[in-house]
Amino acid sequence: MSRIWVKWKLRLGKYITVDEVVEKIDQVTADDLRNIINRLFGSGALSLTTLGPVKETVLPELKI
């Protein structure tokens, strides 16, 4: 774990607190994730497989 802190210090010039990391993670939106997915996998058709119950209200939010 200490290697990660050193890398952040070298890259950013300061140590990052856990609260700062959590704040950055909380700022990630569904659109951010969609953009990354499209960059990695293209905008072609994808399939989704789930195991166990899935709330029907969750699936429309994916819009991938």
Protein backbone atom coordinates (compact mmCIF):
# COMPACT_ATOMS: atom_id res chain seq x y z
CA MET A 1 0.00 0.00 0.00
CA SER A 2 2.87 2.40 0.71
CA ARG A 3 4.01 2.16 -2.92
CA ILE A 4 0.70 3.65 -4.03
CA TRP A 5 1.16 6.63 -1.71
CA VAL A 6 4.67 7.20 -3.06
CA LYS A 7 3.43 7.06 -6.67
CA TRP A 8 0.76 9.66 -5.92
CA LYS A 9 3.35 11.86 -4.22
CA LEU A 10 5.65 11.63 -7.24
CA ARG A 11 2.89 12.19 -9.81
CA LEU A 12 0.94 14.90 -8.03
CA GLY A 13 3.58 16.46 -5.83
CA LYS A 14 1.58 15.80 -2.68
CA TYR A 15 0.12 13.00 -0.65
CA ILE A 16 -3.57 12.31 -1.22
CA THR A 17 -5.81 11.52 1.72
CA VAL A 18 -8.36 8.73 1.70
CA ASP A 19 -11.09 11.39 1.89
CA GLU A 20 -9.76 12.99 -1.32
CA VAL A 21 -9.80 9.63 -3.09
CA VAL A 22 -13.36 8.92 -1.97
CA GLU A 23 -14.42 12.41 -3.09
CA LYS A 24 -12.97 11.78 -6.57
CA ILE A 25 -14.69 8.40 -6.81
CA ASP A 26 -18.00 9.95 -5.77
CA GLN A 27 -17.66 12.48 -8.61
CA VAL A 28 -17.68 9.73 -11.27
CA THR A 29 -20.96 9.77 -13.20
CA ALA A 30 -22.74 7.18 -15.32
CA ASP A 31 -21.79 9.24 -18.38
CA ASP A 32 -18.12 9.03 -17.38
CA LEU A 33 -18.38 5.24 -17.20
CA ARG A 34 -20.22 5.05 -20.54
CA ASN A 35 -17.51 7.15 -22.20
CA ILE A 36 -14.76 4.90 -20.85
CA ILE A 37 -16.65 1.75 -21.90
CA ASN A 38 -17.15 3.14 -25.42
CA ARG A 39 -13.46 4.02 -25.68
CA LEU A 40 -12.38 0.57 -24.51
CA PHE A 41 -14.92 -1.60 -26.28
CA GLY A 42 -16.25 0.61 -29.07
CA SER A 43 -19.86 1.55 -29.52
CA GLY A 44 -20.92 -1.80 -30.98
CA ALA A 45 -23.48 -4.13 -29.47
CA LEU A 46 -22.62 -5.56 -26.07
CA SER A 47 -24.22 -8.32 -24.02
CA LEU A 48 -24.88 -8.27 -20.30
CA THR A 49 -24.99 -11.37 -18.16
CA THR A 50 -26.11 -11.29 -14.55
CA LEU A 51 -26.17 -13.86 -11.82
CA GLY A 52 -28.98 -13.61 -9.31
CA PRO A 53 -31.88 -11.19 -9.08
CA VAL A 54 -31.57 -7.82 -10.81
CA LYS A 55 -33.89 -4.92 -10.19
CA GLU A 56 -35.63 -4.02 -13.43
CA THR A 57 -35.21 -0.35 -12.63
CA VAL A 58 -31.42 -0.67 -12.79
CA LEU A 59 -31.17 -1.98 -16.34
CA PRO A 60 -32.56 1.08 -18.19
CA GLU A 61 -29.93 3.26 -16.49
CA LEU A 62 -27.11 1.38 -18.18
CA LYS A 63 -27.92 2.66 -21.70
CA ILE A 64 -24.73 1.16 -23.06
